[in-house]
Amino acid sequence: MLSNFHAHTNYCDGKNTCEEMVLAAIAQGLDAFGISEHSHTSVPDDTGNITPENMPKYFAEMRALAECHADKIDIFVGLEQDRSEERRV
């Protein structure tokens, strides 16, 4: 099984959208793919993590992509839990 479960998108510190990442994973022949955005922290002006406002959109978008591409790849969605003191800018 060819897989990658640690990828980020433009919801945090990645450069591509969820869809672009999923399509790239399919093009590379992955059987399973997971995106795990950096979690929100309480550090003021912390960058490179998903904002609380974007969380519902992120999960909804990933669920839709998983359903759309279920015949090609298994999609997983999660969060990389960051501790506030580790993600200082």
Protein backbone atom coordinates (compact mmCIF):
# COMPACT_ATOMS: atom_id res chain seq x y z
CA MET A 1 0.00 0.00 0.00
CA LEU A 2 1.47 3.31 -1.09
CA SER A 3 0.37 6.12 1.22
CA ASN A 4 1.14 9.50 2.75
CA PHE A 5 -0.65 10.70 5.87
CA HIS A 6 1.28 13.90 6.59
CA ALA A 7 0.48 16.67 4.15
CA HIS A 8 -0.55 20.29 4.52
CA THR A 9 -2.58 22.63 2.32
CA ASN A 10 -3.12 26.36 2.04
CA TYR A 11 -5.40 26.12 5.07
CA CYS A 12 -2.16 26.24 7.08
CA ASP A 13 1.44 26.35 5.82
CA GLY A 14 1.01 24.46 2.53
CA LYS A 15 0.83 26.07 -0.89
CA ASN A 16 -1.86 24.00 -2.61
CA THR A 17 -5.57 23.46 -2.09
CA CYS A 18 -7.03 20.25 -0.71
CA GLU A 19 -8.25 19.29 -4.16
CA GLU A 20 -4.86 19.91 -5.76
CA MET A 21 -3.20 17.75 -3.11
CA VAL A 22 -5.70 14.91 -3.53
CA LEU A 23 -5.39 14.99 -7.32
CA ALA A 24 -1.58 14.93 -7.03
CA ALA A 25 -1.80 11.92 -4.70
CA ILE A 26 -4.02 10.12 -7.22
CA ALA A 27 -1.66 11.02 -10.07
CA GLN A 28 1.26 9.60 -8.07
CA GLY A 29 -0.57 6.32 -7.62
CA LEU A 30 -1.17 6.51 -3.88
CA ASP A 31 -3.69 4.07 -2.41
CA ALA A 32 -4.33 6.27 0.64
CA PHE A 33 -3.71 9.92 1.40
CA GLY A 34 -4.21 12.06 4.48
CA ILE A 35 -4.02 15.76 5.18
CA SER A 36 -3.24 16.84 8.73
CA GLU A 37 -3.30 20.61 9.06
CA HIS A 38 -1.45 22.30 11.91
CA SER A 39 -3.90 22.97 14.71
CA HIS A 40 -4.73 26.43 16.00
CA THR A 41 -2.61 27.63 18.93
CA SER A 42 -3.10 30.37 21.48
CA VAL A 43 0.17 32.12 20.57
CA PRO A 44 -0.62 35.67 19.37
CA ASP A 45 0.24 36.26 15.71
CA ASP A 46 1.03 32.56 15.22
CA THR A 47 1.04 31.78 11.51
CA GLY A 48 1.15 28.54 9.58
CA ASN A 49 -1.84 26.90 11.23
CA ILE A 50 -5.52 26.49 10.43
CA THR A 51 -7.80 29.12 11.91
CA PRO A 52 -10.84 28.14 13.98
CA GLU A 53 -13.07 29.80 11.36
CA ASN A 54 -11.72 27.53 8.60
CA MET A 55 -12.10 24.24 10.49
CA PRO A 56 -15.69 23.44 9.36
CA LYS A 57 -14.87 24.32 5.74
CA TYR A 58 -11.70 22.17 5.83
CA PHE A 59 -13.49 19.09 7.17
CA ALA A 60 -16.44 19.54 4.78
CA GLU A 61 -14.13 19.96 1.79
CA MET A 62 -12.15 16.85 2.70
CA ARG A 63 -15.33 14.79 3.21
CA ALA A 64 -16.55 15.87 -0.23
CA LEU A 65 -13.21 14.99 -1.84
CA ALA A 66 -13.17 11.59 -0.12
CA GLU A 67 -16.65 10.85 -1.46
CA CYS A 68 -15.87 12.14 -4.95
CA HIS A 69 -12.67 10.09 -5.29
CA ALA A 70 -13.65 7.01 -3.24
CA ASP A 71 -13.18 4.76 -6.26
CA LYS A 72 -9.55 5.92 -6.71
CA ILE A 73 -8.07 6.56 -3.26
CA ASP A 74 -8.81 6.37 0.46
CA ILE A 75 -8.79 9.89 1.92
CA PHE A 76 -8.12 10.68 5.58
CA VAL A 77 -8.45 14.04 7.32
CA GLY A 78 -7.04 15.20 10.62
CA LEU A 79 -5.10 17.76 12.60
CA GLU A 80 -1.49 17.86 13.66
CA GLN A 81 -1.87 18.95 17.26
CA ASP A 82 0.65 21.69 17.97
CA ARG A 83 1.56 22.84 21.44
CA SER A 84 1.50 26.62 21.77
CA GLU A 85 5.10 26.88 22.96
CA GLU A 86 6.36 24.89 19.96
CA ARG A 87 4.80 27.01 17.20
CA ARG A 88 6.14 30.47 17.93
CA VAL A 89 6.85 32.73 15.00
